[in-house]
Amino acid sequence: MEKEVNWDRIRRFKWSDATPPSDWDQSLRPISQRGLALFALDGQGKLYWDGQLVETHARLRLTWLQMIIGGIVVAGTVAGGAGGAMHGWVAYKDWSCRIEWQAPDCPPRAVGMPGAF
């Protein structure tokens, strides 16, 4: 058996009689224990108070200068990664030719010169 709730009474006494802490903004008021009944969650976990959605996220907004700097950083990171990958590939090809894993694109070894191509 469900308990009958007097929502008008809860809304009337939603604020606490307690004095808020001195470091709070003056526009803030504490909620009473009865006022806590006005909080609700929907099926997706979104928070509501007295039927109104409570915004619980902060969006990151960048200025145009921050976006430009971020783009430069990303481009530099990608270029550095590509340069590192290219360096690794060239070093591998040189090493594989030196140990005579004769790949089709290895230059012919010079006769009489150890380690020379």
N, C-alpha and C. Protein backbone atom coordinates (compact mmCIF):
# COMPACT_ATOMS: atom_id res chain seq x y z
N MET A 1 0.85 -1.18 0.00
CA MET A 1 0.00 0.00 0.00
C MET A 1 0.89 1.24 0.00
N GLU A 2 0.67 2.12 -0.98
CA GLU A 2 1.49 3.32 -1.10
C GLU A 2 0.99 4.40 -0.16
N LYS A 3 1.93 5.15 0.37
CA LYS A 3 1.61 6.24 1.28
C LYS A 3 1.18 7.46 0.47
N GLU A 4 0.09 8.08 0.88
CA GLU A 4 -0.40 9.29 0.22
C GLU A 4 0.51 10.46 0.59
N VAL A 5 0.98 11.18 -0.41
CA VAL A 5 1.92 12.29 -0.19
C VAL A 5 1.21 13.60 -0.50
N ASN A 6 1.34 14.54 0.42
CA ASN A 6 0.79 15.87 0.22
C ASN A 6 1.88 16.75 -0.39
N TRP A 7 1.93 16.79 -1.72
CA TRP A 7 2.99 17.51 -2.42
C TRP A 7 2.92 19.02 -2.21
N ASP A 8 1.73 19.54 -2.05
CA ASP A 8 1.61 20.98 -1.78
C ASP A 8 2.27 21.35 -0.46
N ARG A 9 2.09 20.50 0.54
CA ARG A 9 2.71 20.75 1.85
C ARG A 9 4.24 20.64 1.75
N ILE A 10 4.72 19.64 1.01
CA ILE A 10 6.17 19.49 0.83
C ILE A 10 6.74 20.71 0.13
N ARG A 11 6.05 21.19 -0.92
CA ARG A 11 6.55 22.38 -1.63
C ARG A 11 6.51 23.62 -0.73
N ARG A 12 5.56 23.71 0.15
CA ARG A 12 5.46 24.85 1.06
C ARG A 12 6.61 24.88 2.07
N PHE A 13 7.07 23.69 2.48
CA PHE A 13 8.11 23.60 3.51
C PHE A 13 9.42 23.02 2.94
N LYS A 14 9.71 23.35 1.69
CA LYS A 14 10.90 22.78 1.06
C LYS A 14 12.19 23.42 1.56
N TRP A 15 12.13 24.64 2.12
CA TRP A 15 13.34 25.32 2.60
C TRP A 15 13.53 25.07 4.08
N SER A 16 14.77 24.93 4.48
CA SER A 16 15.11 24.73 5.88
C SER A 16 15.07 26.06 6.63
N ASP A 17 14.81 25.97 7.94
CA ASP A 17 14.85 27.18 8.78
C ASP A 17 16.28 27.51 9.21
N ALA A 18 17.21 26.62 8.93
CA ALA A 18 18.60 26.81 9.35
C ALA A 18 19.24 27.96 8.58
N THR A 19 20.14 28.65 9.25
CA THR A 19 20.89 29.73 8.61
C THR A 19 22.00 29.10 7.77
N PRO A 20 22.13 29.52 6.52
CA PRO A 20 23.18 28.93 5.68
C PRO A 20 24.56 29.33 6.16
N PRO A 21 25.59 28.56 5.82
CA PRO A 21 26.95 28.92 6.21
C PRO A 21 27.35 30.29 5.65
N SER A 22 28.20 30.97 6.37
CA SER A 22 28.58 32.34 5.98
C SER A 22 29.36 32.37 4.67
N ASP A 23 30.02 31.27 4.29
CA ASP A 23 30.80 31.28 3.05
C ASP A 23 29.96 30.93 1.81
N TRP A 24 28.65 30.69 1.98
CA TRP A 24 27.77 30.44 0.84
C TRP A 24 27.38 31.77 0.21
N ASP A 25 27.04 31.71 -1.06
CA ASP A 25 26.46 32.86 -1.76
C ASP A 25 25.15 33.21 -1.05
N GLN A 26 24.85 34.49 -0.92
CA GLN A 26 23.65 34.94 -0.19
C GLN A 26 22.35 34.48 -0.85
N SER A 27 22.39 34.15 -2.14
CA SER A 27 21.17 33.71 -2.82
C SER A 27 20.84 32.24 -2.58
N LEU A 28 21.76 31.49 -1.95
CA LEU A 28 21.54 30.07 -1.69
C LEU A 28 20.81 29.85 -0.38
N ARG A 29 19.89 28.87 -0.40
CA ARG A 29 19.13 28.52 0.81
C ARG A 29 19.19 27.03 1.02
N PRO A 30 19.36 26.57 2.26
CA PRO A 30 19.37 25.13 2.52
C PRO A 30 17.99 24.51 2.28
N ILE A 31 17.99 23.24 1.89
CA ILE A 31 16.76 22.50 1.65
C ILE A 31 16.40 21.75 2.92
N SER A 32 15.11 21.71 3.24
CA SER A 32 14.67 20.95 4.41
C SER A 32 14.63 19.46 4.08
N GLN A 33 14.46 18.64 5.11
CA GLN A 33 14.34 17.20 4.86
C GLN A 33 13.10 16.90 4.03
N ARG A 34 12.06 17.64 4.23
CA ARG A 34 10.86 17.45 3.40
C ARG A 34 11.16 17.83 1.95
N GLY A 35 11.96 18.87 1.77
CA GLY A 35 12.30 19.32 0.42
C GLY A 35 13.10 18.29 -0.36
N LEU A 36 13.80 17.40 0.35
CA LEU A 36 14.56 16.36 -0.33
C LEU A 36 13.66 15.41 -1.12
N ALA A 37 12.39 15.31 -0.73
CA ALA A 37 11.45 14.45 -1.45
C ALA A 37 11.17 14.99 -2.85
N LEU A 38 11.53 16.23 -3.11
CA LEU A 38 11.30 16.81 -4.44
C LEU A 38 12.38 16.40 -5.45
N PHE A 39 13.46 15.75 -4.96
CA PHE A 39 14.48 15.24 -5.88
C PHE A 39 13.99 13.94 -6.50
N ALA A 40 14.32 13.75 -7.79
CA ALA A 40 13.93 12.54 -8.50
C ALA A 40 14.95 12.24 -9.59
N LEU A 41 15.01 10.98 -10.00
CA LEU A 41 15.86 10.54 -11.10
C LEU A 41 14.98 9.91 -12.17
N ASP A 42 15.35 10.14 -13.44
CA ASP A 42 14.63 9.46 -14.50
C ASP A 42 15.34 8.15 -14.84
N GLY A 43 14.87 7.44 -15.84
CA GLY A 43 15.43 6.15 -16.22
C GLY A 43 16.86 6.23 -16.73
N GLN A 44 17.30 7.41 -17.15
CA GLN A 44 18.67 7.59 -17.65
C GLN A 44 19.61 8.13 -16.59
N GLY A 45 19.11 8.32 -15.38
CA GLY A 45 19.95 8.81 -14.29
C GLY A 45 20.05 10.32 -14.22
N LYS A 46 19.22 11.05 -14.96
CA LYS A 46 19.23 12.51 -14.90
C LYS A 46 18.51 12.96 -13.62
N LEU A 47 19.06 13.99 -13.00
CA LEU A 47 18.54 14.49 -11.73
C LEU A 47 17.52 15.60 -11.95
N TYR A 48 16.40 15.51 -11.22
CA TYR A 48 15.33 16.53 -11.28
C TYR A 48 15.05 17.01 -9.87
N TRP A 49 14.65 18.27 -9.76
CA TRP A 49 14.17 18.80 -8.48
C TRP A 49 12.87 19.52 -8.75
N ASP A 50 11.82 19.04 -8.12
CA ASP A 50 10.46 19.56 -8.29
C ASP A 50 10.05 19.57 -9.77
N GLY A 51 10.43 18.50 -10.47
CA GLY A 51 10.04 18.35 -11.87
C GLY A 51 10.94 19.07 -12.87
N GLN A 52 11.91 19.83 -12.41
CA GLN A 52 12.81 20.58 -13.29
C GLN A 52 14.16 19.88 -13.37
N LEU A 53 14.69 19.74 -14.58
CA LEU A 53 15.99 19.12 -14.78
C LEU A 53 17.08 19.96 -14.12
N VAL A 54 17.94 19.29 -13.35
CA VAL A 54 19.08 19.96 -12.72
C VAL A 54 20.27 19.75 -13.64
N GLU A 55 20.88 20.84 -14.10
CA GLU A 55 22.06 20.74 -14.97
C GLU A 55 23.23 20.24 -14.14
N THR A 56 23.77 19.09 -14.51
CA THR A 56 24.84 18.49 -13.71
C THR A 56 26.13 18.33 -14.50
N HIS A 57 26.28 19.08 -15.58
CA HIS A 57 27.50 18.99 -16.36
C HIS A 57 28.00 20.39 -16.70
N ALA A 58 29.28 20.47 -16.88
CA ALA A 58 29.89 21.73 -17.31
C ALA A 58 30.56 21.47 -18.66
N ARG A 59 30.28 22.29 -19.60
CA ARG A 59 30.86 22.11 -20.93
C ARG A 59 32.15 22.89 -21.05
N LEU A 60 33.09 22.28 -21.75
CA LEU A 60 34.36 22.93 -22.00
C LEU A 60 34.22 23.77 -23.26
N ARG A 61 34.45 25.04 -23.14
CA ARG A 61 34.36 25.93 -24.30
C ARG A 61 35.71 26.60 -24.49
N LEU A 62 36.27 26.43 -25.69
CA LEU A 62 37.56 27.02 -26.00
C LEU A 62 37.37 28.30 -26.80
N THR A 63 38.27 29.26 -26.57
CA THR A 63 38.26 30.47 -27.39
C THR A 63 38.87 30.13 -28.74
N TRP A 64 38.74 31.03 -29.71
CA TRP A 64 39.29 30.76 -31.04
C TRP A 64 40.81 30.61 -30.97
N LEU A 65 41.47 31.40 -30.11
CA LEU A 65 42.92 31.32 -29.98
C LEU A 65 43.33 29.96 -29.40
N GLN A 66 42.59 29.47 -28.40
CA GLN A 66 42.88 28.16 -27.83
C GLN A 66 42.68 27.05 -28.86
N MET A 67 41.66 27.19 -29.72
CA MET A 67 41.45 26.19 -30.77
C MET A 67 42.58 26.21 -31.78
N ILE A 68 43.08 27.38 -32.14
CA ILE A 68 44.19 27.48 -33.08
C ILE A 68 45.44 26.86 -32.48
N ILE A 69 45.73 27.20 -31.24
CA ILE A 69 46.90 26.64 -30.57
C ILE A 69 46.76 25.12 -30.45
N GLY A 70 45.59 24.65 -30.09
CA GLY A 70 45.34 23.22 -30.01
C GLY A 70 45.53 22.53 -31.35
N GLY A 71 45.08 23.16 -32.44
CA GLY A 71 45.27 22.60 -33.78
C GLY A 71 46.74 22.51 -34.14
N ILE A 72 47.52 23.54 -33.78
CA ILE A 72 48.95 23.52 -34.05
C ILE A 72 49.61 22.39 -33.26
N VAL A 73 49.22 22.22 -32.00
CA VAL A 73 49.79 21.15 -31.17
C VAL A 73 49.45 19.78 -31.77
N VAL A 74 48.21 19.60 -32.20
CA VAL A 74 47.81 18.32 -32.80
C VAL A 74 48.60 18.07 -34.08
N ALA A 75 48.72 19.09 -34.94
CA ALA A 75 49.47 18.92 -36.19
C ALA A 75 50.92 18.58 -35.91
N GLY A 76 51.52 19.24 -34.93
CA GLY A 76 52.91 18.94 -34.58
C GLY A 76 53.07 17.53 -34.04
N THR A 77 52.11 17.09 -33.24
CA THR A 77 52.16 15.74 -32.69
C THR A 77 52.05 14.70 -33.79
N VAL A 78 51.13 14.91 -34.73
CA VAL A 78 50.96 13.98 -35.85
C VAL A 78 52.23 13.96 -36.71
N ALA A 79 52.78 15.15 -37.00
CA ALA A 79 53.99 15.22 -37.82
C ALA A 79 55.16 14.54 -37.10
N GLY A 80 55.30 14.75 -35.81
CA GLY A 80 56.36 14.10 -35.05
C GLY A 80 56.21 12.59 -35.04
N GLY A 81 54.99 12.12 -34.89
CA GLY A 81 54.75 10.68 -34.92
C GLY A 81 55.06 10.09 -36.28
N ALA A 82 54.67 10.79 -37.35
CA ALA A 82 54.96 10.31 -38.70
C ALA A 82 56.47 10.30 -38.95
N GLY A 83 57.17 11.34 -38.48
CA GLY A 83 58.63 11.39 -38.63
C GLY A 83 59.30 10.26 -37.88
N GLY A 84 58.84 9.98 -36.67
CA GLY A 84 59.39 8.87 -35.90
C GLY A 84 59.16 7.54 -36.57
N ALA A 85 57.97 7.35 -37.14
CA ALA A 85 57.66 6.10 -37.84
C ALA A 85 58.54 5.95 -39.08
N MET A 86 58.73 7.05 -39.81
CA MET A 86 59.58 7.01 -41.01
C MET A 86 61.02 6.69 -40.63
N HIS A 87 61.52 7.31 -39.57
CA HIS A 87 62.88 7.05 -39.10
C HIS A 87 63.04 5.58 -38.72
N GLY A 88 62.08 5.03 -38.04
CA GLY A 88 62.11 3.63 -37.66
C GLY A 88 62.13 2.71 -38.86
N TRP A 89 61.34 3.03 -39.88
CA TRP A 89 61.30 2.21 -41.09
C TRP A 89 62.65 2.24 -41.82
N VAL A 90 63.23 3.43 -41.94
CA VAL A 90 64.53 3.55 -42.62
C VAL A 90 65.61 2.80 -41.83
N ALA A 91 65.59 2.92 -40.50
CA ALA A 91 66.58 2.21 -39.68
C ALA A 91 66.40 0.70 -39.81
N TYR A 92 65.17 0.23 -39.85
CA TYR A 92 64.92 -1.20 -40.03
C TYR A 92 65.46 -1.68 -41.38
N LYS A 93 65.17 -0.92 -42.44
CA LYS A 93 65.63 -1.33 -43.78
C LYS A 93 67.15 -1.38 -43.82
N ASP A 94 67.82 -0.39 -43.22
CA ASP A 94 69.29 -0.37 -43.21
C ASP A 94 69.82 -1.58 -42.44
N TRP A 95 69.26 -1.84 -41.28
CA TRP A 95 69.70 -2.98 -40.46
C TRP A 95 69.47 -4.30 -41.18
N SER A 96 68.28 -4.46 -41.79
CA SER A 96 67.98 -5.73 -42.45
C SER A 96 68.91 -5.97 -43.64
N CYS A 97 69.31 -4.91 -44.33
CA CYS A 97 70.25 -5.08 -45.43
C CYS A 97 71.65 -5.42 -44.90
N ARG A 98 72.05 -4.80 -43.78
CA ARG A 98 73.37 -5.04 -43.21
C ARG A 98 73.53 -6.48 -42.72
N ILE A 99 72.46 -7.10 -42.21
CA ILE A 99 72.59 -8.48 -41.74
C ILE A 99 72.22 -9.47 -42.85
N GLU A 100 72.15 -8.93 -44.05
CA GLU A 100 71.94 -9.72 -45.27
C GLU A 100 70.59 -10.44 -45.33
N TRP A 101 69.57 -9.75 -44.85
CA TRP A 101 68.22 -10.21 -45.14
C TRP A 101 67.89 -9.59 -46.49
N GLN A 102 68.40 -10.10 -47.49
CA GLN A 102 68.38 -9.47 -48.81
C GLN A 102 66.94 -9.21 -49.28
N ALA A 103 66.45 -8.04 -48.96
CA ALA A 103 65.16 -7.61 -49.47
C ALA A 103 65.37 -7.15 -50.91
N PRO A 104 64.35 -7.13 -51.71
CA PRO A 104 64.52 -6.75 -53.12
C PRO A 104 65.10 -5.34 -53.30
N ASP A 105 64.90 -4.45 -52.36
CA ASP A 105 65.38 -3.08 -52.56
C ASP A 105 66.70 -2.79 -51.85
N CYS A 106 67.42 -3.82 -51.35
CA CYS A 106 68.75 -3.61 -50.76
C CYS A 106 69.75 -3.35 -51.88
N PRO A 107 70.64 -2.37 -51.69
CA PRO A 107 71.67 -2.14 -52.71
C PRO A 107 72.68 -3.29 -52.70
N PRO A 108 73.36 -3.50 -53.78
CA PRO A 108 74.35 -4.59 -53.81
C PRO A 108 75.52 -4.26 -52.88
N ARG A 109 76.05 -5.27 -52.23
CA ARG A 109 77.19 -5.07 -51.33
C ARG A 109 78.45 -4.81 -52.15
N ALA A 110 79.25 -3.88 -51.66
CA ALA A 110 80.53 -3.60 -52.31
C ALA A 110 81.51 -4.72 -51.96
N VAL A 111 82.25 -5.15 -52.93
CA VAL A 111 83.18 -6.26 -52.73
C VAL A 111 84.41 -5.75 -51.96
N GLY A 112 84.81 -6.48 -50.94
CA GLY A 112 86.02 -6.16 -50.20
C GLY A 112 85.86 -5.10 -49.14
N MET A 113 84.66 -4.59 -48.91
CA MET A 113 84.43 -3.56 -47.90
C MET A 113 83.37 -4.06 -46.95
N PRO A 114 83.77 -4.58 -45.79
CA PRO A 114 82.78 -5.13 -44.86
C PRO A 114 81.82 -4.03 -44.37
N GLY A 115 80.56 -4.34 -44.39
CA GLY A 115 79.53 -3.42 -43.91
C GLY A 115 79.20 -2.32 -44.91
N ALA A 116 79.90 -2.24 -46.02
CA ALA A 116 79.59 -1.19 -47.00
C ALA A 116 78.61 -1.72 -48.02
N PHE A 117 77.90 -0.83 -48.61
CA PHE A 117 76.92 -1.20 -49.65
C PHE A 117 77.43 -0.79 -51.01
